[in-house]
Amino acid sequence: MSTTDAVPKLKPLQLGVLLILMAEAREVTNSELGTLAGFTLTGQERVDLEKRGLVESRKVGRGLAFQLTEQGWHFCKQLHNTDVNVGNSRVARSIFVLLGGLHRSLDRLRVSHAEFFKPLPDGATGGDDVEGLVRSAYSTLADAPGAWVGLADLREHLGGLDRAAVDEALRALVRQEGVRIIPVANTKALEPRDRAAALRIGGEDNHVLAIGPT
């Protein structure tokens, strides 16, 4: 069964979770879902989304954290074109109109949904300082400007820096000229530390960083 065929059978809460995960473009915990939307993803509704291949989860502390799979991103991008039964909900119908307008605009600008929703650094959290530390660590580890450095080595070099802050800085850096963060071609060669250090962007794990000369 395709995701398009399966859409009408999704519950409103499941659709809400998918839209939140797209808008946040990152891993979101159940606790955060509760804060953002007043509900959490549990039980059969969670199992169903995972079986459909739209969402993946992992244990974080005592709870779960979720993010869209590649198929989940594709699903959300096409949601505006799908015949979803939202009943008489005016709010839901308005949201689907908004999704349609968003899709047309991004298509015209040739910007992906993942890139559009990618989180930006919050100046109040010291994001600029972390960016500087990431650049400094890269300069220390790289053989030359533009050389590839594994994110596992980068995170190890940064020591006790908060992972979320480092992820935020990396996502901000990749928007800048000369900065690239990509997955490795041969995933079989990845070690467990490389997989653990991967940065999730647009439903894809990325493992290496390159910063060219400025």
Protein backbone atom coordinates (compact mmCIF):
# COMPACT_ATOMS: atom_id res chain seq x y z
CA MET A 1 0.00 0.00 0.00
CA SER A 2 1.40 3.41 -0.92
CA THR A 3 1.50 6.27 1.55
CA THR A 4 -1.02 8.14 -0.60
CA ASP A 5 -3.50 5.28 -0.34
CA ALA A 6 -2.92 5.09 3.40
CA VAL A 7 -3.49 8.78 4.11
CA PRO A 8 -7.30 8.73 4.60
CA LYS A 9 -6.86 6.08 7.31
CA LEU A 10 -4.48 8.19 9.38
CA LYS A 11 -5.95 9.74 12.49
CA PRO A 12 -5.92 13.52 13.02
CA LEU A 13 -3.35 13.15 15.82
CA GLN A 14 -1.04 11.21 13.49
CA LEU A 15 -1.35 13.88 10.81
CA GLY A 16 -0.62 16.50 13.44
CA VAL A 17 2.54 14.70 14.53
CA LEU A 18 3.78 14.44 10.94
CA LEU A 19 3.21 18.13 10.29
CA ILE A 20 5.00 19.08 13.52
CA LEU A 21 7.98 16.88 12.64
CA MET A 22 8.15 18.51 9.21
CA ALA A 23 7.90 22.03 10.63
CA GLU A 24 10.58 21.33 13.25
CA ALA A 25 12.81 19.43 10.77
CA ARG A 26 14.56 17.68 13.62
CA GLU A 27 14.15 15.00 16.21
CA VAL A 28 11.29 15.84 18.58
CA THR A 29 10.65 14.13 21.90
CA ASN A 30 7.22 13.19 23.21
CA SER A 31 7.74 15.78 25.94
CA GLU A 32 8.28 18.46 23.29
CA LEU A 33 5.21 17.29 21.39
CA GLY A 34 3.21 17.77 24.57
CA THR A 35 4.56 21.29 24.97
CA LEU A 36 4.15 22.25 21.31
CA ALA A 37 0.76 20.71 20.59
CA GLY A 38 -0.73 19.33 23.78
CA PHE A 39 -0.55 15.67 22.73
CA THR A 40 2.00 12.85 22.49
CA LEU A 41 2.56 9.95 20.12
CA THR A 42 2.05 6.62 21.89
CA GLY A 43 0.47 3.18 21.57
CA GLN A 44 -0.98 1.92 18.33
CA GLU A 45 -0.85 5.35 16.69
CA ARG A 46 2.94 5.35 17.09
CA VAL A 47 3.29 1.73 15.94
CA ASP A 48 1.12 2.44 12.91
CA LEU A 49 3.22 5.41 11.75
CA GLU A 50 6.41 3.39 12.13
CA LYS A 51 4.96 0.42 10.25
CA ARG A 52 4.02 2.73 7.40
CA GLY A 53 7.64 3.88 7.29
CA LEU A 54 6.77 7.53 7.90
CA VAL A 55 8.37 8.00 11.32
CA GLU A 56 11.30 6.49 13.17
CA SER A 57 11.87 6.65 16.91
CA ARG A 58 14.59 6.09 19.46
CA LYS A 59 14.75 5.92 23.23
CA VAL A 60 15.80 9.19 24.90
CA GLY A 61 15.97 8.89 28.66
CA ARG A 62 12.67 7.40 29.78
CA GLY A 63 10.78 8.59 26.73
CA LEU A 64 10.86 8.46 22.95
CA ALA A 65 12.00 10.91 20.30
CA PHE A 66 10.71 10.94 16.73
CA GLN A 67 11.73 12.21 13.33
CA LEU A 68 10.49 11.84 9.78
CA THR A 69 11.96 9.16 7.56
CA GLU A 70 12.77 9.91 3.93
CA GLN A 71 9.37 8.43 3.06
CA GLY A 72 7.82 10.62 5.74
CA TRP A 73 9.30 13.75 4.17
CA HIS A 74 7.95 12.72 0.77
CA PHE A 75 4.54 12.07 2.30
CA CYS A 76 4.37 15.50 3.95
CA LYS A 77 5.49 17.28 0.79
CA GLN A 78 2.63 15.68 -1.15
CA LEU A 79 0.00 15.95 1.55
CA HIS A 80 -1.69 18.98 0.01
CA ASN A 81 -2.53 16.93 -3.10
CA THR A 82 -4.08 14.06 -1.15
CA ASP A 83 -7.77 13.56 -0.55
CA VAL A 84 -7.79 13.51 3.24
CA ASN A 85 -11.08 13.35 5.09
CA VAL A 86 -10.91 16.21 7.59
CA GLY A 87 -14.67 16.40 8.04
CA ASN A 88 -16.07 19.84 8.72
CA SER A 89 -12.96 21.19 10.43
CA ARG A 90 -12.38 24.67 9.02
CA VAL A 91 -8.97 24.86 10.67
CA ALA A 92 -7.84 21.60 9.07
CA ARG A 93 -9.07 22.69 5.64
CA SER A 94 -7.22 26.00 6.04
CA ILE A 95 -4.03 24.15 6.91
CA PHE A 96 -4.22 22.13 3.69
CA VAL A 97 -4.70 25.34 1.69
CA LEU A 98 -1.60 26.71 3.40
CA LEU A 99 0.35 23.54 2.59
CA GLY A 100 -0.61 23.91 -1.07
CA GLY A 101 0.59 27.50 -1.16
CA LEU A 102 3.81 26.56 0.59
CA HIS A 103 4.48 23.78 -1.91
CA ARG A 104 3.94 26.09 -4.90
CA SER A 105 6.24 28.75 -3.45
CA LEU A 106 9.05 26.33 -2.61
CA ASP A 107 8.76 24.68 -6.01
CA ARG A 108 9.06 28.09 -7.69
CA LEU A 109 12.08 28.98 -5.56
CA ARG A 110 13.57 25.50 -6.01
CA VAL A 111 13.96 25.09 -2.27
CA SER A 112 13.24 21.74 -0.62
CA HIS A 113 10.90 21.45 2.34
CA ALA A 114 13.75 20.10 4.46
CA GLU A 115 15.94 23.11 3.63
CA PHE A 116 13.10 25.56 4.21
CA PHE A 117 12.24 24.18 7.64
CA LYS A 118 15.83 23.58 8.72
CA PRO A 119 16.23 25.16 12.19
CA LEU A 120 18.24 28.36 12.42
CA PRO A 121 20.51 29.16 15.35
CA ASP A 122 19.00 31.16 18.17
CA GLY A 123 21.27 34.07 18.98
CA ALA A 124 20.08 33.98 22.57
CA THR A 125 21.58 30.52 23.05
CA GLY A 126 25.08 31.47 22.06
CA GLY A 127 24.79 29.79 18.66
CA ASP A 128 27.35 32.11 17.10
CA ASP A 129 29.92 31.12 19.74
CA VAL A 130 29.32 27.42 19.06
CA GLU A 131 29.72 28.03 15.34
CA GLY A 132 33.10 29.56 16.07
CA LEU A 133 34.09 26.56 18.17
CA VAL A 134 33.02 24.20 15.39
CA ARG A 135 35.08 26.15 12.85
CA SER A 136 38.06 26.14 15.20
CA ALA A 137 37.76 22.39 15.78
CA TYR A 138 37.51 21.81 12.05
CA SER A 139 40.65 23.87 11.40
CA THR A 140 42.52 21.77 13.95
CA LEU A 141 41.36 18.44 12.53
CA ALA A 142 41.42 19.15 8.78
CA ASP A 143 44.58 18.49 6.78
CA ALA A 144 43.76 21.53 4.64
CA PRO A 145 40.85 23.91 4.02
CA GLY A 146 38.09 21.99 2.27
CA ALA A 147 39.28 18.58 3.48
CA TRP A 148 36.70 16.20 4.85
CA VAL A 149 36.47 15.74 8.63
CA GLY A 150 34.30 13.09 10.23
CA LEU A 151 31.57 14.38 12.53
CA ALA A 152 32.59 11.71 15.04
CA ASP A 153 36.07 13.24 15.27
CA LEU A 154 34.60 16.74 15.39
CA ARG A 155 32.23 15.90 18.26
CA GLU A 156 35.00 14.15 20.15
CA HIS A 157 37.24 17.20 19.77
CA LEU A 158 34.46 19.49 21.02
CA GLY A 159 34.26 17.42 24.17
CA GLY A 160 31.45 18.32 26.54
CA LEU A 161 29.59 20.77 24.30
CA ASP A 162 25.84 20.14 24.28
CA ARG A 163 24.96 17.98 21.27
CA ALA A 164 21.84 19.97 20.43
CA ALA A 165 23.90 23.18 20.37
CA VAL A 166 26.49 21.59 18.08
CA ASP A 167 23.76 20.25 15.77
CA GLU A 168 22.21 23.71 15.63
CA ALA A 169 25.56 25.26 14.77
CA LEU A 170 26.23 22.67 12.05
CA ARG A 171 22.83 23.28 10.48
CA ALA A 172 23.52 26.99 10.49
CA LEU A 173 26.99 26.53 9.00
CA VAL A 174 25.79 24.38 6.13
CA ARG A 175 23.77 27.37 4.91
CA GLN A 176 26.98 29.36 4.55
CA GLU A 177 29.20 29.55 1.50
CA GLY A 178 31.95 26.95 1.33
CA VAL A 179 30.46 24.63 3.95
CA ARG A 180 29.32 21.11 3.08
CA ILE A 181 27.92 18.33 5.27
CA ILE A 182 27.21 15.08 3.44
CA PRO A 183 26.71 11.35 4.01
CA VAL A 184 29.54 8.96 3.17
CA ALA A 185 29.07 6.94 0.02
CA ASN A 186 30.10 3.61 1.53
CA THR A 187 27.86 3.27 4.59
CA LYS A 188 29.19 -0.26 5.22
CA ALA A 189 32.51 1.29 6.20
CA LEU A 190 30.93 3.36 8.96
CA GLU A 191 31.85 2.52 12.52
CA PRO A 192 29.31 2.72 15.37
CA ARG A 193 30.81 6.05 16.50
CA ASP A 194 30.27 7.49 12.99
CA ARG A 195 26.62 6.44 12.99
CA ALA A 196 26.10 7.83 16.49
CA ALA A 197 27.66 11.17 15.49
CA ALA A 198 25.62 11.56 12.30
CA LEU A 199 23.65 14.75 11.74
CA ARG A 200 20.11 14.24 10.47
CA ILE A 201 19.11 16.70 7.75
CA GLY A 202 16.05 16.24 5.57
CA GLY A 203 15.58 12.61 6.53
CA GLU A 204 19.19 11.66 5.77
CA ASP A 205 22.15 10.92 8.05
CA ASN A 206 25.26 12.98 7.26
CA HIS A 207 28.70 12.00 8.47
CA VAL A 208 31.43 14.36 7.21
CA LEU A 209 32.07 18.09 7.15
CA ALA A 210 34.15 20.27 4.83
CA ILE A 211 34.76 24.00 5.22
CA GLY A 212 36.52 25.69 2.35
CA PRO A 213 38.69 28.79 2.54
CA THR A 214 36.84 32.06 3.14
